[in-house]
Amino acid sequence: MQPFSLTVLMYHYVRDPGDRAEAGSGIPGLSRARFEAQLDYAARHYAVVAWPDVRACVVDQKPLPRNACLLTFDDGVCDHYLNVFPALRARGLSGLFFALARPVGAGLALGHKIHFLLARLGLDGLREAVGRRLTPAQRDSYTQAERHYQAKYSGVDIFKSILQRDLSAEAEAFLSQLTAEHLGPEVKIADRYYLTPDQVAAMRAGGMHFGGHSRTHPWFDWVSADQQAAEINASAGWLQEIEPGPWAFAYPYGGWSAESPELLRGHGFAAAFTTISQVEHTDPFFIGRLDGEELSTELTPRQPVGAD
């Protein structure tokens, strides 16, 4: 297809300490005031488009407006109904929400268990609690992975990468145990944390659109093609009930593999979004996004490149 220009903004948590979305969890997010200031700036300086406009661009080669901007939101968390949806609706804007295809009662995805436990125990506390549950062989795997990730990550990102990738199978069980021990019933937390079917229906009725984001939120460059296909199929099955296709997909963690685009095409998806910061795109299955948490009100980096 022809190259196209599109500024895509990406958001996760939009919350203030103590509000209904944060609900005492201690998990920080982008403040509502800063989020709404970014929306107002985008509305003044960009042509804010909806997912059907982008779909028409990548499927039918219809041009986007000059300076087009798409608003996207990952994971399908309650912030998106409680704080984001009212702000968008008040401004006549539409967002594209990449929700996990998790049925009610499924509990928390691995990455979100880590978020809750880090907020409660801190990095040192959670690292210590995890270490006590590792077997000698798992500790060796942890140490080897730590050395590997130190080349490109630091601090908490190293720790999270090990649990989300190298020890993901083992971490599912013991992080659920830690969640029950320190936070309470995991299913109850998850059912409050993720969007409910009624909230999704209200957002759709209010002009919002939904895309796929897998069921369990794995790194696609870490799992097999068969596992990717199962995750994509779960998203397609969920979207069939709420959104006309072809659909959009956001790679969990922004990770993808060479097999991902073809698997997505085969399951009814027309585009996929990464976490690479770019606004010029040549591949509909590799559309970059800018992280709203890292941007100022004027949608520019909060620190110049190379700043401390």
Protein backbone atom coordinates (compact mmCIF):
# COMPACT_ATOMS: atom_id res chain seq x y z
CA MET A 1 0.00 0.00 0.00
CA GLN A 2 0.98 3.66 -0.31
CA PRO A 3 2.83 5.21 2.65
CA PHE A 4 0.60 7.26 4.93
CA SER A 5 1.09 9.79 7.69
CA LEU A 6 -0.78 9.30 10.98
CA THR A 7 0.01 10.40 14.51
CA VAL A 8 -1.23 7.67 16.85
CA LEU A 9 -1.34 8.38 20.58
CA MET A 10 -1.23 5.46 23.03
CA TYR A 11 -2.56 5.47 26.58
CA HIS A 12 -2.95 2.93 29.39
CA TYR A 13 -3.88 4.24 32.84
CA VAL A 14 -5.63 7.61 33.04
CA ARG A 15 -6.33 8.23 36.74
CA ASP A 16 -5.77 10.41 39.75
CA PRO A 17 -4.74 9.11 43.18
CA GLY A 18 -7.84 7.98 45.06
CA ASP A 19 -10.33 8.17 42.18
CA ARG A 20 -12.60 5.26 41.21
CA ALA A 21 -10.16 3.91 38.63
CA GLU A 22 -7.17 3.96 40.98
CA ALA A 23 -9.38 2.65 43.81
CA GLY A 24 -6.56 2.58 46.33
CA SER A 25 -4.43 0.23 44.23
CA GLY A 26 -1.45 2.55 44.25
CA ILE A 27 -0.90 1.98 40.52
CA PRO A 28 -0.02 5.40 39.06
CA GLY A 29 -1.19 6.73 35.71
CA LEU A 30 -1.44 9.82 33.55
CA SER A 31 -3.41 12.46 35.43
CA ARG A 32 -6.85 13.30 34.13
CA ALA A 33 -5.90 16.97 33.85
CA ARG A 34 -2.87 16.26 31.68
CA PHE A 35 -4.80 13.77 29.56
CA GLU A 36 -7.60 16.25 28.93
CA ALA A 37 -5.07 18.98 28.11
CA GLN A 38 -3.54 16.64 25.51
CA LEU A 39 -6.99 15.96 24.07
CA ASP A 40 -7.70 19.68 23.78
CA TYR A 41 -4.34 20.27 22.09
CA ALA A 42 -4.95 17.39 19.66
CA ALA A 43 -8.42 18.72 18.82
CA ARG A 44 -6.98 22.18 18.05
CA HIS A 45 -3.90 21.16 16.09
CA TYR A 46 -4.77 17.80 14.50
CA ALA A 47 -7.59 16.23 12.53
CA VAL A 48 -8.64 13.62 15.10
CA VAL A 49 -9.94 10.57 13.21
CA ALA A 50 -11.72 7.38 14.26
CA TRP A 51 -10.82 3.75 13.54
CA PRO A 52 -13.21 3.50 10.52
CA ASP A 53 -11.24 6.34 8.86
CA VAL A 54 -7.96 4.49 9.36
CA ARG A 55 -9.53 1.21 8.22
CA ALA A 56 -10.69 2.92 5.01
CA CYS A 57 -7.13 4.14 4.50
CA VAL A 58 -5.43 0.75 4.89
CA VAL A 59 -8.15 -1.35 3.23
CA ASP A 60 -9.55 0.93 0.50
CA GLN A 61 -6.59 3.33 0.05
CA LYS A 62 -8.75 6.32 0.98
CA PRO A 63 -6.56 9.25 2.05
CA LEU A 64 -6.55 10.46 5.62
CA PRO A 65 -6.91 14.15 6.43
CA ARG A 66 -3.73 16.18 6.63
CA ASN A 67 -2.25 15.96 10.14
CA ALA A 68 -4.50 13.02 11.08
CA CYS A 69 -4.38 11.77 14.67
CA LEU A 70 -5.82 8.56 16.18
CA LEU A 71 -6.35 8.05 19.92
CA THR A 72 -5.72 4.50 21.19
CA PHE A 73 -6.01 2.87 24.61
CA ASP A 74 -4.54 -0.49 25.64
CA ASP A 75 -5.66 -3.34 27.92
CA GLY A 76 -9.35 -2.54 28.42
CA VAL A 77 -9.09 -1.31 32.02
CA CYS A 78 -11.76 0.50 34.00
CA ASP A 79 -10.00 3.87 33.56
CA HIS A 80 -11.20 3.83 29.98
CA TYR A 81 -14.86 3.81 30.98
CA LEU A 82 -14.62 5.92 34.12
CA ASN A 83 -12.22 8.66 32.98
CA VAL A 84 -11.45 8.40 29.26
CA PHE A 85 -14.89 7.79 27.76
CA PRO A 86 -16.54 10.85 29.38
CA ALA A 87 -13.64 13.09 28.30
CA LEU A 88 -13.83 11.88 24.69
CA ARG A 89 -17.62 12.05 24.51
CA ALA A 90 -17.64 15.61 25.90
CA ARG A 91 -15.38 16.67 23.02
CA GLY A 92 -17.11 14.66 20.29
CA LEU A 93 -14.03 12.44 19.82
CA SER A 94 -13.73 8.70 19.26
CA GLY A 95 -11.08 6.37 20.64
CA LEU A 96 -9.86 2.92 19.61
CA PHE A 97 -9.68 0.61 22.64
CA PHE A 98 -7.51 -2.50 22.51
CA ALA A 99 -9.07 -4.72 25.16
CA LEU A 100 -7.97 -8.15 26.30
CA ALA A 101 -10.35 -10.98 25.39
CA ARG A 102 -10.64 -12.14 28.99
CA PRO A 103 -13.96 -13.59 30.13
CA VAL A 104 -15.45 -12.59 33.45
CA GLY A 105 -13.86 -14.70 36.17
CA ALA A 106 -10.55 -15.26 34.34
CA GLY A 107 -8.43 -13.30 36.80
CA LEU A 108 -5.60 -10.93 36.02
CA ALA A 109 -3.22 -11.18 33.08
CA LEU A 110 0.38 -11.82 34.13
CA GLY A 111 1.57 -8.27 33.46
CA HIS A 112 -1.24 -6.81 35.53
CA LYS A 113 -0.49 -9.07 38.49
CA ILE A 114 2.98 -7.55 38.38
CA HIS A 115 1.54 -4.01 38.34
CA PHE A 116 -0.63 -4.63 41.39
CA LEU A 117 2.13 -6.37 43.34
CA LEU A 118 4.76 -3.75 42.53
CA ALA A 119 2.38 -1.06 43.75
CA ARG A 120 1.84 -2.93 47.03
CA LEU A 121 5.30 -4.42 47.73
CA GLY A 122 7.69 -2.23 45.76
CA LEU A 123 10.43 -3.57 43.51
CA ASP A 124 12.67 -4.85 46.30
CA GLY A 125 9.78 -6.45 48.18
CA LEU A 126 8.39 -8.21 45.14
CA ARG A 127 11.82 -9.33 43.96
CA GLU A 128 12.45 -10.85 47.38
CA ALA A 129 9.04 -12.55 47.46
CA VAL A 130 9.59 -14.00 43.98
CA GLY A 131 13.09 -15.16 44.87
CA ARG A 132 11.78 -17.20 47.80
CA ARG A 133 9.50 -19.12 45.43
CA LEU A 134 12.07 -20.00 42.77
CA THR A 135 13.67 -23.42 42.59
CA PRO A 136 17.48 -23.60 42.18
CA ALA A 137 17.03 -24.24 38.44
CA GLN A 138 14.66 -21.29 38.14
CA ARG A 139 17.13 -19.06 40.00
CA ASP A 140 19.78 -20.01 37.46
CA SER A 141 17.38 -19.12 34.64
CA TYR A 142 16.59 -15.83 36.37
CA THR A 143 20.30 -14.94 36.71
CA GLN A 144 21.04 -15.75 33.08
CA ALA A 145 18.06 -13.72 31.88
CA GLU A 146 19.03 -10.81 34.13
CA ARG A 147 22.48 -10.65 32.52
CA HIS A 148 20.87 -10.70 29.08
CA TYR A 149 18.38 -7.88 29.76
CA GLN A 150 20.94 -5.64 31.47
CA ALA A 151 22.27 -4.81 28.01
CA LYS A 152 19.09 -2.89 27.08
CA TYR A 153 16.99 -2.37 30.24
CA SER A 154 17.50 -1.16 33.78
CA GLY A 155 15.83 -1.48 37.17
CA VAL A 156 12.22 -2.59 37.17
CA ASP A 157 12.17 -3.22 33.41
CA ILE A 158 14.72 -6.02 33.78
CA PHE A 159 12.65 -7.63 36.52
CA LYS A 160 9.40 -7.37 34.59
CA SER A 161 10.94 -8.71 31.39
CA ILE A 162 12.19 -11.84 33.16
CA LEU A 163 8.77 -12.59 34.65
CA GLN A 164 6.89 -11.75 31.44
CA ARG A 165 9.15 -13.80 29.19
CA ASP A 166 11.73 -16.23 30.59
CA LEU A 167 9.76 -17.28 33.68
CA SER A 168 6.24 -16.51 32.48
CA ALA A 169 4.93 -20.07 32.84
CA GLU A 170 6.21 -20.38 36.41
CA ALA A 171 5.28 -16.81 37.37
CA GLU A 172 1.57 -17.23 36.61
CA ALA A 173 1.03 -19.51 39.61
CA PHE A 174 3.21 -17.88 42.24
CA LEU A 175 2.12 -14.35 41.32
CA SER A 176 -1.49 -15.45 41.78
CA GLN A 177 -0.50 -16.79 45.22
CA LEU A 178 1.15 -13.47 46.08
CA THR A 179 -1.89 -11.57 44.83
CA ALA A 180 -4.19 -13.58 47.11
CA GLU A 181 -1.79 -13.16 50.03
CA HIS A 182 -1.24 -9.40 49.74
CA LEU A 183 -4.24 -8.04 47.84
CA GLY A 184 -7.19 -10.41 48.14
CA PRO A 185 -9.21 -12.57 45.74
CA GLU A 186 -7.70 -12.20 42.27
CA VAL A 187 -10.94 -12.78 40.37
CA LYS A 188 -12.72 -10.07 42.34
CA ILE A 189 -9.88 -7.63 41.65
CA ALA A 190 -9.86 -8.50 37.93
CA ASP A 191 -13.61 -8.19 37.50
CA ARG A 192 -13.43 -4.66 38.93
CA TYR A 193 -10.26 -3.78 37.04
CA TYR A 194 -11.20 -4.74 33.46
CA LEU A 195 -14.04 -3.30 31.40
CA THR A 196 -17.32 -5.13 31.90
CA PRO A 197 -19.55 -6.18 28.99
CA ASP A 198 -22.04 -3.45 29.95
CA GLN A 199 -19.31 -0.81 29.94
CA VAL A 200 -18.09 -1.96 26.54
CA ALA A 201 -21.66 -1.79 25.19
CA ALA A 202 -22.10 1.73 26.55
CA MET A 203 -18.83 2.86 24.98
CA ARG A 204 -19.76 1.36 21.61
CA ALA A 205 -23.13 3.12 21.78
CA GLY A 206 -21.23 6.33 22.55
CA GLY A 207 -19.11 6.16 19.37
CA MET A 208 -16.04 4.30 20.61
CA HIS A 209 -14.38 1.42 18.73
CA PHE A 210 -12.60 -1.72 19.91
CA GLY A 211 -9.66 -3.77 18.68
CA GLY A 212 -7.84 -6.94 19.66
CA HIS A 213 -5.02 -7.22 22.19
CA SER A 214 -4.82 -11.01 22.76
CA ARG A 215 -6.24 -12.94 25.72
CA THR A 216 -3.23 -13.36 28.02
CA HIS A 217 -0.97 -10.47 26.84
CA PRO A 218 2.19 -12.44 25.89
CA TRP A 219 5.20 -11.18 23.98
CA PHE A 220 4.55 -12.37 20.41
CA ASP A 221 8.27 -12.60 19.73
CA TRP A 222 8.57 -15.06 22.63
CA VAL A 223 5.69 -17.49 22.07
CA SER A 224 5.22 -19.92 19.18
CA ALA A 225 3.22 -19.21 16.03
CA ASP A 226 0.54 -21.62 17.30
CA GLN A 227 0.29 -19.70 20.55
CA GLN A 228 0.08 -16.42 18.65
CA ALA A 229 -2.71 -17.85 16.51
CA ALA A 230 -4.64 -18.91 19.63
CA GLU A 231 -4.28 -15.44 21.15
CA ILE A 232 -5.36 -13.74 17.92
CA ASN A 233 -8.28 -16.13 17.52
CA ALA A 234 -9.47 -15.27 21.04
CA SER A 235 -9.48 -11.58 20.13
CA ALA A 236 -11.32 -12.25 16.86
CA GLY A 237 -13.96 -14.29 18.66
CA TRP A 238 -14.53 -11.51 21.17
CA LEU A 239 -14.66 -8.76 18.54
CA GLN A 240 -17.20 -10.61 16.40
CA GLU A 241 -19.77 -9.92 19.09
CA ILE A 242 -19.19 -6.16 19.36
CA GLU A 243 -17.39 -4.59 16.39
CA PRO A 244 -17.72 -4.89 12.59
CA GLY A 245 -14.56 -6.06 10.88
CA PRO A 246 -11.97 -6.01 9.60
CA TRP A 247 -10.42 -5.07 12.93
CA ALA A 248 -7.33 -3.49 14.42
CA PHE A 249 -4.88 -5.23 16.76
CA ALA A 250 -2.25 -3.93 19.18
CA TYR A 251 0.72 -6.20 19.82
CA PRO A 252 1.07 -6.87 23.57
CA TYR A 253 4.09 -4.95 24.86
CA GLY A 254 4.56 -3.85 21.24
CA GLY A 255 6.31 -7.15 20.51
CA TRP A 256 5.68 -9.01 17.26
CA SER A 257 7.24 -11.74 15.15
CA ALA A 258 7.61 -12.39 11.44
CA GLU A 259 4.55 -14.66 11.53
CA SER A 260 2.27 -12.11 13.21
CA PRO A 261 0.98 -10.12 10.19
CA GLU A 262 -0.11 -13.18 8.21
CA LEU A 263 -1.78 -14.70 11.25
CA LEU A 264 -3.66 -11.46 11.84
CA ARG A 265 -4.79 -11.24 8.19
CA GLY A 266 -6.06 -14.79 8.38
CA HIS A 267 -8.22 -13.97 11.40
CA GLY A 268 -9.88 -10.85 9.96
CA PHE A 269 -7.55 -8.05 11.06
CA ALA A 270 -6.64 -5.19 8.72
CA ALA A 271 -3.97 -3.40 10.76
CA ALA A 272 -1.77 -3.78 13.82
CA PHE A 273 -0.10 -1.26 16.10
CA THR A 274 3.30 -1.33 17.77
CA THR A 275 4.94 0.85 20.41
CA ILE A 276 7.56 2.22 17.99
CA SER A 277 7.48 6.02 17.94
CA GLN A 278 6.82 6.99 14.33
CA VAL A 279 4.20 8.91 12.38
CA GLU A 280 5.09 7.84 8.82
CA HIS A 281 3.91 4.31 8.02
CA THR A 282 4.44 1.94 5.09
CA ASP A 283 3.03 -1.32 6.52
CA PRO A 284 -0.52 -1.54 7.97
CA PHE A 285 0.68 -4.28 10.34
CA PHE A 286 3.47 -2.12 11.73
CA ILE A 287 1.84 1.19 12.67
CA GLY A 288 3.81 3.12 15.28
CA ARG A 289 2.45 5.03 18.26
CA LEU A 290 3.54 7.79 20.63
CA ASP A 291 3.12 7.14 24.36
CA GLY A 292 0.94 9.87 25.88
CA GLU A 293 2.58 9.46 29.29
CA GLU A 294 5.92 10.48 27.79
CA LEU A 295 4.56 13.57 26.03
CA SER A 296 3.93 17.10 27.21
CA THR A 297 0.59 18.86 26.81
CA GLU A 298 1.82 19.98 23.38
CA LEU A 299 2.37 16.32 22.38
CA THR A 300 6.15 16.70 22.24
CA PRO A 301 8.67 14.65 24.27
CA ARG A 302 8.77 15.86 27.86
CA GLN A 303 12.58 15.79 27.70
CA PRO A 304 14.73 16.43 24.63
CA VAL A 305 16.34 13.33 23.14
CA GLY A 306 19.56 12.67 25.04
CA ALA A 307 18.48 14.59 28.15
CA ASP A 308 19.19 13.16 31.60
